[in-house]
N, C-alpha and C. Protein backbone atom coordinates (compact mmCIF):
# COMPACT_ATOMS: atom_id res chain seq x y z
N MET A 1 -35.30 -13.30 -9.97
CA MET A 1 -34.27 -13.08 -8.96
C MET A 1 -33.17 -14.12 -9.17
N ASN A 2 -31.95 -13.67 -9.07
CA ASN A 2 -30.80 -14.55 -9.27
C ASN A 2 -30.27 -14.95 -7.90
N ASP A 3 -30.39 -16.23 -7.54
CA ASP A 3 -29.96 -16.71 -6.23
C ASP A 3 -28.58 -17.37 -6.26
N SER A 4 -27.85 -17.21 -7.35
CA SER A 4 -26.53 -17.83 -7.41
C SER A 4 -25.58 -17.12 -6.43
N PRO A 5 -24.63 -17.85 -5.88
CA PRO A 5 -23.69 -17.25 -4.92
C PRO A 5 -22.94 -16.06 -5.48
N SER A 6 -22.62 -16.08 -6.77
CA SER A 6 -21.85 -14.99 -7.34
C SER A 6 -22.68 -13.71 -7.49
N ALA A 7 -24.00 -13.81 -7.46
CA ALA A 7 -24.84 -12.63 -7.62
C ALA A 7 -24.70 -11.68 -6.44
N SER A 8 -24.42 -12.18 -5.25
CA SER A 8 -24.32 -11.33 -4.08
C SER A 8 -22.87 -11.01 -3.71
N ARG A 9 -21.94 -11.52 -4.46
CA ARG A 9 -20.52 -11.33 -4.16
C ARG A 9 -20.00 -10.10 -4.87
N THR A 10 -19.32 -9.23 -4.14
CA THR A 10 -18.68 -8.08 -4.75
C THR A 10 -17.27 -8.48 -5.17
N ILE A 11 -16.92 -8.12 -6.38
CA ILE A 11 -15.61 -8.47 -6.89
C ILE A 11 -14.74 -7.22 -6.88
N TYR A 12 -13.61 -7.32 -6.19
CA TYR A 12 -12.67 -6.22 -6.12
C TYR A 12 -11.46 -6.55 -6.99
N LYS A 13 -11.04 -5.58 -7.77
CA LYS A 13 -9.83 -5.76 -8.55
C LYS A 13 -8.64 -5.54 -7.63
N THR A 14 -7.63 -6.36 -7.81
CA THR A 14 -6.44 -6.22 -6.99
C THR A 14 -5.21 -6.06 -7.87
N MET A 15 -4.16 -5.62 -7.24
CA MET A 15 -2.88 -5.51 -7.92
C MET A 15 -1.82 -6.10 -7.01
N ASN A 16 -0.70 -6.46 -7.59
CA ASN A 16 0.39 -7.02 -6.81
C ASN A 16 1.51 -6.01 -6.75
N ILE A 17 1.96 -5.70 -5.53
CA ILE A 17 3.07 -4.78 -5.33
C ILE A 17 4.09 -5.45 -4.42
N LEU A 18 5.26 -4.88 -4.35
CA LEU A 18 6.28 -5.34 -3.42
C LEU A 18 6.40 -4.31 -2.31
N ILE A 19 6.26 -4.77 -1.07
CA ILE A 19 6.47 -3.91 0.09
C ILE A 19 7.71 -4.42 0.80
N ASN A 20 8.77 -3.62 0.76
CA ASN A 20 10.06 -4.03 1.32
C ASN A 20 10.46 -5.43 0.83
N GLY A 21 10.23 -5.67 -0.45
CA GLY A 21 10.65 -6.92 -1.07
C GLY A 21 9.66 -8.07 -0.96
N GLN A 22 8.56 -7.86 -0.27
CA GLN A 22 7.58 -8.94 -0.09
C GLN A 22 6.35 -8.68 -0.97
N ALA A 23 6.01 -9.68 -1.79
CA ALA A 23 4.84 -9.55 -2.66
C ALA A 23 3.57 -9.44 -1.82
N THR A 24 2.74 -8.47 -2.18
CA THR A 24 1.51 -8.20 -1.43
C THR A 24 0.41 -7.83 -2.41
N ASP A 25 -0.78 -8.39 -2.23
CA ASP A 25 -1.94 -7.99 -3.01
C ASP A 25 -2.64 -6.84 -2.32
N MET A 26 -2.95 -5.81 -3.11
CA MET A 26 -3.66 -4.63 -2.61
C MET A 26 -4.80 -4.31 -3.57
N PRO A 27 -5.87 -3.69 -3.05
CA PRO A 27 -6.93 -3.27 -3.96
C PRO A 27 -6.43 -2.22 -4.94
N ASP A 28 -6.99 -2.22 -6.15
CA ASP A 28 -6.68 -1.15 -7.11
C ASP A 28 -6.98 0.19 -6.46
N ASN A 29 -6.32 1.21 -6.92
CA ASN A 29 -6.48 2.59 -6.43
C ASN A 29 -6.00 2.78 -5.00
N SER A 30 -5.12 1.91 -4.53
CA SER A 30 -4.56 2.08 -3.19
C SER A 30 -3.59 3.25 -3.19
N THR A 31 -3.47 3.89 -2.04
CA THR A 31 -2.54 4.98 -1.85
C THR A 31 -1.46 4.53 -0.85
N ILE A 32 -0.46 5.36 -0.66
CA ILE A 32 0.55 5.05 0.34
C ILE A 32 -0.11 4.92 1.71
N THR A 33 -1.03 5.79 2.01
CA THR A 33 -1.73 5.73 3.30
C THR A 33 -2.44 4.40 3.48
N SER A 34 -3.12 3.91 2.45
CA SER A 34 -3.83 2.63 2.58
C SER A 34 -2.86 1.46 2.68
N VAL A 35 -1.70 1.56 2.03
CA VAL A 35 -0.69 0.51 2.16
C VAL A 35 -0.19 0.47 3.61
N LEU A 36 0.08 1.63 4.19
CA LEU A 36 0.53 1.68 5.58
C LEU A 36 -0.52 1.11 6.53
N GLN A 37 -1.79 1.39 6.27
CA GLN A 37 -2.86 0.82 7.08
C GLN A 37 -2.91 -0.69 6.92
N HIS A 38 -2.72 -1.16 5.69
CA HIS A 38 -2.76 -2.60 5.40
C HIS A 38 -1.70 -3.36 6.18
N ILE A 39 -0.52 -2.78 6.30
CA ILE A 39 0.56 -3.46 7.03
C ILE A 39 0.57 -3.06 8.51
N GLU A 40 -0.48 -2.38 8.93
CA GLU A 40 -0.68 -1.98 10.32
C GLU A 40 0.45 -1.11 10.85
N GLN A 41 0.92 -0.20 9.97
CA GLN A 41 1.92 0.80 10.37
C GLN A 41 1.14 2.06 10.76
N HIS A 42 0.67 2.08 12.01
CA HIS A 42 -0.19 3.16 12.48
C HIS A 42 0.61 4.40 12.89
N HIS A 43 1.83 4.21 13.35
CA HIS A 43 2.68 5.33 13.77
C HIS A 43 3.55 5.72 12.58
N THR A 44 3.31 6.91 12.05
CA THR A 44 4.02 7.30 10.83
C THR A 44 5.19 8.25 11.12
N GLY A 45 5.41 8.56 12.39
CA GLY A 45 6.57 9.38 12.73
C GLY A 45 7.84 8.59 12.53
N GLY A 46 8.86 9.24 11.96
CA GLY A 46 10.14 8.58 11.80
C GLY A 46 10.22 7.57 10.68
N ILE A 47 9.27 7.62 9.72
CA ILE A 47 9.38 6.72 8.58
C ILE A 47 9.39 7.53 7.29
N ALA A 48 9.99 6.93 6.28
CA ALA A 48 10.00 7.50 4.94
C ALA A 48 9.49 6.42 3.99
N VAL A 49 8.85 6.85 2.92
CA VAL A 49 8.31 5.90 1.94
C VAL A 49 8.82 6.29 0.55
N ALA A 50 9.28 5.29 -0.17
CA ALA A 50 9.68 5.49 -1.56
C ALA A 50 8.89 4.54 -2.44
N ILE A 51 8.49 5.03 -3.60
CA ILE A 51 7.83 4.20 -4.60
C ILE A 51 8.77 4.15 -5.80
N ASN A 52 9.18 2.94 -6.16
CA ASN A 52 10.10 2.76 -7.28
C ASN A 52 11.32 3.67 -7.16
N ASP A 53 11.91 3.69 -5.96
CA ASP A 53 13.14 4.43 -5.67
C ASP A 53 12.98 5.94 -5.63
N MET A 54 11.75 6.44 -5.60
CA MET A 54 11.50 7.88 -5.49
C MET A 54 10.81 8.16 -4.16
N VAL A 55 11.48 8.92 -3.29
CA VAL A 55 10.90 9.25 -1.99
C VAL A 55 9.68 10.14 -2.20
N VAL A 56 8.59 9.82 -1.49
CA VAL A 56 7.36 10.59 -1.59
C VAL A 56 7.20 11.38 -0.29
N PRO A 57 7.05 12.71 -0.38
CA PRO A 57 6.85 13.50 0.83
C PRO A 57 5.60 13.05 1.59
N LYS A 58 5.68 13.08 2.90
CA LYS A 58 4.57 12.64 3.75
C LYS A 58 3.28 13.39 3.41
N SER A 59 3.39 14.63 3.02
CA SER A 59 2.21 15.43 2.69
C SER A 59 1.46 14.90 1.47
N GLN A 60 2.10 14.02 0.70
CA GLN A 60 1.48 13.47 -0.52
C GLN A 60 1.04 12.03 -0.39
N TRP A 61 1.23 11.42 0.79
CA TRP A 61 0.91 10.00 0.95
C TRP A 61 -0.55 9.67 0.65
N SER A 62 -1.48 10.51 1.09
CA SER A 62 -2.90 10.18 0.90
C SER A 62 -3.33 10.36 -0.56
N ASP A 63 -2.54 11.07 -1.36
CA ASP A 63 -2.88 11.31 -2.76
C ASP A 63 -2.05 10.47 -3.73
N SER A 64 -0.99 9.84 -3.24
CA SER A 64 -0.08 9.10 -4.12
C SER A 64 -0.60 7.69 -4.36
N GLN A 65 -1.05 7.45 -5.59
CA GLN A 65 -1.61 6.15 -5.97
C GLN A 65 -0.48 5.16 -6.24
N ILE A 66 -0.71 3.94 -5.82
CA ILE A 66 0.20 2.83 -6.08
C ILE A 66 -0.33 2.09 -7.31
N SER A 67 0.58 1.66 -8.16
CA SER A 67 0.19 0.92 -9.38
C SER A 67 0.68 -0.52 -9.31
N ASP A 68 0.04 -1.37 -10.09
CA ASP A 68 0.43 -2.77 -10.15
C ASP A 68 1.91 -2.88 -10.49
N GLY A 69 2.62 -3.70 -9.72
CA GLY A 69 4.04 -3.92 -9.94
C GLY A 69 4.96 -2.93 -9.25
N ASP A 70 4.40 -1.91 -8.58
CA ASP A 70 5.24 -0.93 -7.90
C ASP A 70 6.04 -1.57 -6.77
N LYS A 71 7.20 -0.99 -6.51
CA LYS A 71 8.04 -1.41 -5.40
C LYS A 71 7.96 -0.31 -4.34
N VAL A 72 7.41 -0.67 -3.19
CA VAL A 72 7.24 0.28 -2.09
C VAL A 72 8.29 -0.05 -1.03
N LEU A 73 9.07 0.95 -0.68
CA LEU A 73 10.09 0.77 0.35
C LEU A 73 9.72 1.66 1.53
N ILE A 74 9.59 1.04 2.71
CA ILE A 74 9.27 1.76 3.93
C ILE A 74 10.49 1.69 4.83
N ILE A 75 11.01 2.85 5.14
CA ILE A 75 12.23 2.94 5.96
C ILE A 75 11.87 3.54 7.30
N LYS A 76 12.25 2.84 8.37
CA LYS A 76 11.99 3.32 9.73
C LYS A 76 13.29 3.80 10.34
N ALA A 77 13.25 5.01 10.86
CA ALA A 77 14.41 5.55 11.57
C ALA A 77 14.55 4.83 12.90
N SER A 78 15.78 4.59 13.30
CA SER A 78 16.00 3.96 14.59
C SER A 78 17.14 4.67 15.32
N GLN A 79 17.09 4.60 16.61
CA GLN A 79 18.14 5.21 17.42
C GLN A 79 19.21 4.17 17.70
N GLY A 80 20.38 4.62 17.83
CA GLY A 80 21.45 3.68 18.14
C GLY A 80 22.71 4.46 18.49
N GLY A 81 23.69 3.73 18.85
CA GLY A 81 24.90 4.42 19.22
C GLY A 81 26.12 3.66 18.85
């Protein structure tokens, strides 16, 4: 039996992405949906998401994989006058 601390530790691969210009580490195989959960953006009405300057339809968020180095832009609609 291996009692070393590393034997019981799970190692997750991560990637670095930019979310609205801020460097963020995310697990590999993250999707737009998981990125939104990570930043605690629970209300998805009135927002748009672009990956590397390409807008992704909301219907594709759960299937759209983020890659290391991607630039994710989250735009929130606001009311004003």
